[in-house]
Amino acid sequence: MSELLPLFLNLTGRDVLLVGGGRVAEAKLRQLAAAGARVRVVAPAIAAEIRTAAVTIAERRFEPSDLDGAWLVVAAATPDVNRAVAQAAESRRVFVNAVDDPANASAFLSGVVRRDGVTLAISTSGGAPALTSLLRESLDAVLPRDLAAWVHTAREQRIVWRRDAVPMEERKPLLLRALNHLYEVAAVHAVVSRPMPERDPSVPWLSGPEDSWL
């Protein structure tokens, strides 16, 4: 498999087809609902939790026409059904997330960490979901507890940079300096929610390669 293109989708108000009505489909439905998608569920049998959700339900087998109007389809059914969904979606140019079935998938939902306006996503291309989960938990553990202050500072700095036409290559060092300053003045201004214990007041792990990611 070639390398995947990491991508964040805005599904708010957009139609997403969910094929499957069991426990796995329930979990995917929660993710899709959190993203604001307009979900349609198709399956011969529908779990109680899905029935009570605010979704459109067709209690029957999948039909290719179910893909009409869909921006994305999540196949959480048997391998045979997932294969049929993938084949029908290919001709319609609709991406398919086939749960724990990478052979029938063209899109992969990742392990996600969301906190204070920051979203991190981890993928193993569908081949090692348990590792994806472990990496997600590890990243969540090392993120700073005061991440909200980092986000606020970065957004404020970006306004200034855009106003002053600061070149891209100069922005990351400036942001690193501003974040370090949070810790230097934390005792006076109470900017952060959790001071760094027994550390030099800096964030040296941010001094990575100088690229233009801002």
Protein backbone atom coordinates (compact mmCIF):
# COMPACT_ATOMS: atom_id res chain seq x y z
CA MET A 1 0.00 0.00 0.00
CA SER A 2 1.23 3.50 -0.83
CA GLU A 3 1.48 6.13 1.89
CA LEU A 4 -1.81 7.56 3.12
CA LEU A 5 -2.65 11.25 2.91
CA PRO A 6 -3.61 12.46 6.41
CA LEU A 7 -6.78 14.48 6.09
CA PHE A 8 -9.37 16.05 8.40
CA LEU A 9 -12.90 16.13 6.98
CA ASN A 10 -15.66 18.62 7.74
CA LEU A 11 -18.75 16.39 7.76
CA THR A 12 -21.11 18.87 9.40
CA GLY A 13 -24.48 18.60 7.69
CA ARG A 14 -23.16 16.17 5.07
CA ASP A 15 -24.68 12.76 4.31
CA VAL A 16 -22.72 9.72 5.53
CA LEU A 17 -23.90 6.16 4.99
CA LEU A 18 -23.33 3.65 7.79
CA VAL A 19 -23.74 0.03 6.70
CA GLY A 20 -24.18 -2.19 9.74
CA GLY A 21 -26.36 -2.17 12.82
CA GLY A 22 -24.35 -3.91 15.54
CA ARG A 23 -22.01 -2.85 18.34
CA VAL A 24 -19.22 -1.81 15.99
CA ALA A 25 -21.66 0.33 14.04
CA GLU A 26 -22.80 1.92 17.31
CA ALA A 27 -19.26 3.11 18.04
CA LYS A 28 -18.84 4.51 14.54
CA LEU A 29 -22.19 6.24 14.77
CA ARG A 30 -21.04 8.09 17.89
CA GLN A 31 -17.94 9.32 16.05
CA LEU A 32 -19.94 10.46 13.05
CA ALA A 33 -22.54 12.19 15.20
CA ALA A 34 -19.78 14.04 17.08
CA ALA A 35 -18.51 15.28 13.71
CA GLY A 36 -21.97 16.64 12.87
CA ALA A 37 -22.62 14.23 10.00
CA ARG A 38 -26.13 13.47 8.76
CA VAL A 39 -26.07 9.69 9.12
CA ARG A 40 -28.16 7.10 7.30
CA VAL A 41 -27.98 3.54 8.64
CA VAL A 42 -28.67 0.47 6.52
CA ALA A 43 -28.69 -3.05 8.02
CA PRO A 44 -31.04 -6.05 8.32
CA ALA A 45 -30.86 -5.84 12.12
CA ILE A 46 -30.45 -2.62 14.10
CA ALA A 47 -29.17 -2.36 17.69
CA ALA A 48 -31.32 -0.56 20.25
CA GLU A 49 -28.87 2.31 20.74
CA ILE A 50 -28.89 3.06 17.02
CA ARG A 51 -32.68 2.98 16.94
CA THR A 52 -32.85 5.71 19.58
CA ALA A 53 -30.34 7.94 17.81
CA ALA A 54 -31.43 10.79 15.57
CA VAL A 55 -30.57 9.01 12.32
CA THR A 56 -32.39 7.74 9.26
CA ILE A 57 -32.72 3.94 9.33
CA ALA A 58 -33.39 1.43 6.56
CA GLU A 59 -33.80 -2.02 8.10
CA ARG A 60 -32.80 -4.14 5.13
CA ARG A 61 -29.77 -5.31 3.18
CA PHE A 62 -27.41 -2.83 1.54
CA GLU A 63 -28.22 -1.73 -1.99
CA PRO A 64 -25.82 0.23 -4.25
CA SER A 65 -28.37 3.04 -4.55
CA ASP A 66 -27.91 3.67 -0.80
CA LEU A 67 -24.68 5.45 -1.75
CA ASP A 68 -26.49 8.13 -3.73
CA GLY A 69 -25.69 11.51 -2.24
CA ALA A 70 -23.19 10.17 0.33
CA TRP A 71 -19.92 11.98 0.94
CA LEU A 72 -18.51 9.02 2.86
CA VAL A 73 -19.56 5.47 3.71
CA VAL A 74 -18.63 3.48 6.80
CA ALA A 75 -18.96 -0.26 6.34
CA ALA A 76 -19.28 -2.03 9.70
CA ALA A 77 -20.72 -5.30 8.49
CA THR A 78 -19.45 -8.73 7.42
CA PRO A 79 -16.53 -8.99 4.95
CA ASP A 80 -18.92 -9.97 2.15
CA VAL A 81 -21.13 -6.96 2.74
CA ASN A 82 -18.12 -4.66 3.15
CA ARG A 83 -16.78 -5.94 -0.19
CA ALA A 84 -20.09 -5.20 -1.90
CA VAL A 85 -20.10 -1.70 -0.42
CA ALA A 86 -16.51 -1.10 -1.55
CA GLN A 87 -17.25 -2.24 -5.09
CA ALA A 88 -20.35 -0.06 -5.36
CA ALA A 89 -18.55 2.94 -3.86
CA GLU A 90 -15.55 2.66 -6.20
CA SER A 91 -17.58 3.41 -9.30
CA ARG A 92 -19.27 6.31 -7.54
CA ARG A 93 -15.96 7.76 -6.27
CA VAL A 94 -17.09 7.59 -2.66
CA PHE A 95 -14.49 6.82 0.01
CA VAL A 96 -15.13 3.78 2.20
CA ASN A 97 -14.06 3.18 5.76
CA ALA A 98 -14.39 -0.58 6.25
CA VAL A 99 -14.04 -1.31 9.96
CA ASP A 100 -11.18 -3.74 10.71
CA ASP A 101 -11.23 -4.69 7.03
CA PRO A 102 -8.40 -2.80 5.26
CA ALA A 103 -8.76 -4.82 2.06
CA ASN A 104 -12.16 -3.19 1.47
CA ALA A 105 -11.25 0.30 2.68
CA SER A 106 -10.14 3.42 0.87
CA ALA A 107 -10.32 5.60 4.00
CA PHE A 108 -9.15 4.83 7.53
CA LEU A 109 -10.52 6.34 10.71
CA SER A 110 -7.65 7.02 13.08
CA GLY A 111 -7.02 7.01 16.78
CA VAL A 112 -7.81 10.57 17.88
CA VAL A 113 -6.76 12.80 20.75
CA ARG A 114 -8.87 15.96 21.11
CA ARG A 115 -8.10 18.59 23.69
CA ASP A 116 -8.46 22.37 23.92
CA GLY A 117 -8.84 22.92 20.19
CA VAL A 118 -6.03 20.55 19.22
CA THR A 119 -6.69 17.30 17.35
CA LEU A 120 -4.06 14.61 16.89
CA ALA A 121 -4.74 11.59 14.69
CA ILE A 122 -2.78 8.34 14.50
CA SER A 123 -3.10 5.67 11.84
CA THR A 124 -1.47 2.33 11.09
CA SER A 125 -3.33 2.07 7.76
CA GLY A 126 -5.84 -0.26 9.36
CA GLY A 127 -3.21 -2.94 9.94
CA ALA A 128 -2.55 -2.57 13.67
CA PRO A 129 -5.52 -0.96 15.45
CA ALA A 130 -4.30 -2.01 18.91
CA LEU A 131 -1.02 -0.15 18.33
CA THR A 132 -2.98 2.87 17.13
CA SER A 133 -4.86 2.84 20.44
CA LEU A 134 -1.67 2.57 22.50
CA LEU A 135 -0.04 5.42 20.62
CA ARG A 136 -3.14 7.55 21.10
CA GLU A 137 -3.03 6.98 24.87
CA SER A 138 0.70 7.73 24.96
CA LEU A 139 0.34 11.01 23.11
CA ASP A 140 -2.56 12.02 25.32
CA ALA A 141 -0.38 11.39 28.37
CA VAL A 142 2.51 13.59 27.21
CA LEU A 143 0.47 16.56 26.01
CA PRO A 144 0.76 19.49 28.44
CA ARG A 145 -2.11 19.91 30.87
CA ASP A 146 -2.07 23.63 30.07
CA LEU A 147 -2.50 23.10 26.34
CA ALA A 148 -5.32 25.64 26.23
CA ALA A 149 -2.79 28.36 27.10
CA TRP A 150 -0.57 27.19 24.25
CA VAL A 151 -3.47 27.35 21.79
CA HIS A 152 -4.51 30.81 22.99
CA THR A 153 -0.96 32.11 22.68
CA ALA A 154 -0.48 30.62 19.21
CA ARG A 155 -3.72 32.16 17.94
CA GLU A 156 -2.83 35.59 19.33
CA GLN A 157 0.65 35.40 17.85
CA ARG A 158 -0.72 34.42 14.44
CA ILE A 159 -2.89 37.56 14.36
CA VAL A 160 0.19 39.68 15.00
CA TRP A 161 2.29 37.83 12.41
CA ARG A 162 -0.36 38.23 9.71
CA ARG A 163 -0.78 41.90 10.56
CA ASP A 164 2.99 42.50 10.43
CA ALA A 165 3.60 40.20 7.43
CA VAL A 166 6.08 38.09 9.37
CA PRO A 167 7.68 35.53 6.99
CA MET A 168 6.72 31.88 7.52
CA GLU A 169 10.24 30.79 8.34
CA GLU A 170 10.40 33.21 11.28
CA ARG A 171 7.13 32.21 12.92
CA LYS A 172 8.01 28.96 14.70
CA PRO A 173 10.99 30.40 16.61
CA LEU A 174 8.76 33.30 17.64
CA LEU A 175 6.08 30.92 18.86
CA LEU A 176 8.63 28.90 20.83
CA ARG A 177 9.79 32.10 22.52
CA ALA A 178 6.21 33.08 23.36
CA LEU A 179 5.43 29.66 24.84
CA ASN A 180 8.59 29.70 26.91
CA HIS A 181 7.52 33.10 28.20
CA LEU A 182 4.33 31.55 29.58
CA TYR A 183 6.40 29.52 32.01
CA GLU A 184 8.75 32.37 32.87
CA VAL A 185 5.87 34.54 34.07
CA ALA A 186 3.53 31.82 35.33
CA ALA A 187 4.08 32.55 39.01
CA VAL A 188 3.12 36.20 38.56
CA HIS A 189 0.33 36.06 36.02
CA ALA A 190 -1.04 32.53 36.63
CA VAL A 191 -1.21 31.94 32.90
CA VAL A 192 -0.91 28.18 33.01
CA SER A 193 -2.98 25.65 34.88
CA ARG A 194 -0.12 23.36 35.79
CA PRO A 195 3.42 24.73 36.17
CA MET A 196 6.23 22.47 35.03
CA PRO A 197 7.71 20.92 38.22
CA GLU A 198 11.47 20.76 38.71
CA ARG A 199 12.21 21.86 35.16
CA ASP A 200 13.90 24.78 33.55
CA PRO A 201 11.10 27.23 32.57
CA SER A 202 11.16 26.31 28.89
CA VAL A 203 9.65 23.87 26.48
CA PRO A 204 12.73 22.46 24.71
CA TRP A 205 10.79 19.64 23.02
CA LEU A 206 9.33 22.22 20.68
CA SER A 207 12.69 23.00 19.09
CA GLY A 208 12.19 20.69 16.13
CA PRO A 209 13.13 21.20 12.47
CA GLU A 210 12.52 24.70 11.19
CA ASP A 211 9.74 24.16 8.69
CA SER A 212 6.88 26.37 7.61
CA TRP A 213 4.03 24.57 9.35
CA LEU A 214 2.35 27.69 10.71
